Amino acid sequence: ILTILGNSAVLTTAAKRSSLLKSPELLTVNLAIADIGMAISMYPLAIASAWKHAWLGGDASCIYYALMGFLFGVCSMMTLCAMAVIRFLVTSSSKSNSNKISKNTVHILIAFIWLYSLLWAILPLVGWGYYGPEPFGISCTIAWSKFHSSSNGFSFILSMFLLCTVLPALTIIACYLGIAWKVHKAYQEIQSINRIPHAAQLEKKLTLMAVLISVGFLSAWTPYAAASFWSIFNSSDSLQPMVTLLPCLFAKSSTAYNPFIYYIFSKTFRHEIQELRWCWGWRVHLFGTDTAAENSVSMMWSG
């Protein structure tokens, strides 16, 4: 619910400000699309299976669930990687150079991200790698246990780990470390000035927001990655179902908190959310009964 409501607010705000969006903000929109896509395509099936205490739909739904998870997961990771690279380029360049990152360039980059993610997601369907159930039985993902039992599974997991996890994560870390160093040097140069330029403050806030989004995503997925790699080198029976379930649920939470980060750091997003709240409250007022002023007030607060 939090994922759908929060990211729907992000997309609604982006649609209202579509003509004013800057090029890097399109990646934020793409991240919201990936998050809400994961919530809509995967979470209802997982929730229904949890209530039934068994996976629903058999092998077909298992493959579908794992494919959707892999598609949107890789898309989110690569989008965060692209955000880090663009923030590094913008921070490192002069004002005139930073404007050269056009919307067309970002559109091409987003298309490449989706094609790259789709390619990796369909590879297990065409014979390289495997999808299978999680150890706790109510979710599906890459068949990590095939790492040792199959050369096919070994090559796929190793390649996926390097190209979809390690390389993007190292790129994100390197970019933000580079940004931190440049911001530190810039603040040293202007420390004698009483008033820090507004542009420098804005760049610092945008960079901090991007860092928190990336750190949150990596933190949410690290326990799941650790449990998955444990199952590579050990029997899945060596971990209790609860131990494998909690990291999976924690990883799914990564789709919910980005809108809260935007709300804290973006004055524009806060203003748009306030407008949406007032608009919804006004609609409730119109469609409600007007028998008493108290009823109108209470409906406004409900809205």
Foldseek 3Di string as FASTA:
>chain_A
DLLQVLLVLVLVLCVVCVVVDAQLVVLVNQLSVLLNQLCVQAVVQLVVCVVVQAHPDPPVVQLSNQLSCQLSLLLNLVSLLVSLVLLLVLLPDDPVVNNVCHNVNSVVVSVVSNVVSNVLSCVCVVPQFHKDAALSHRHIHTPLQVCPVPPSNVVSVVVCCVPRPVVSVVSNVVSLVSSVVSLVVVCVVCVVPPDDDPVSVLSVLVSVLSVVLVVQLCVLQVQQVVLSVVVNVDPSVVDDSVSNVVSVVSNSCSSRCSSVSCCVRPPSSVVSVVVVLQVVLVVQLVPDDPPDPVVSVVSSVVD
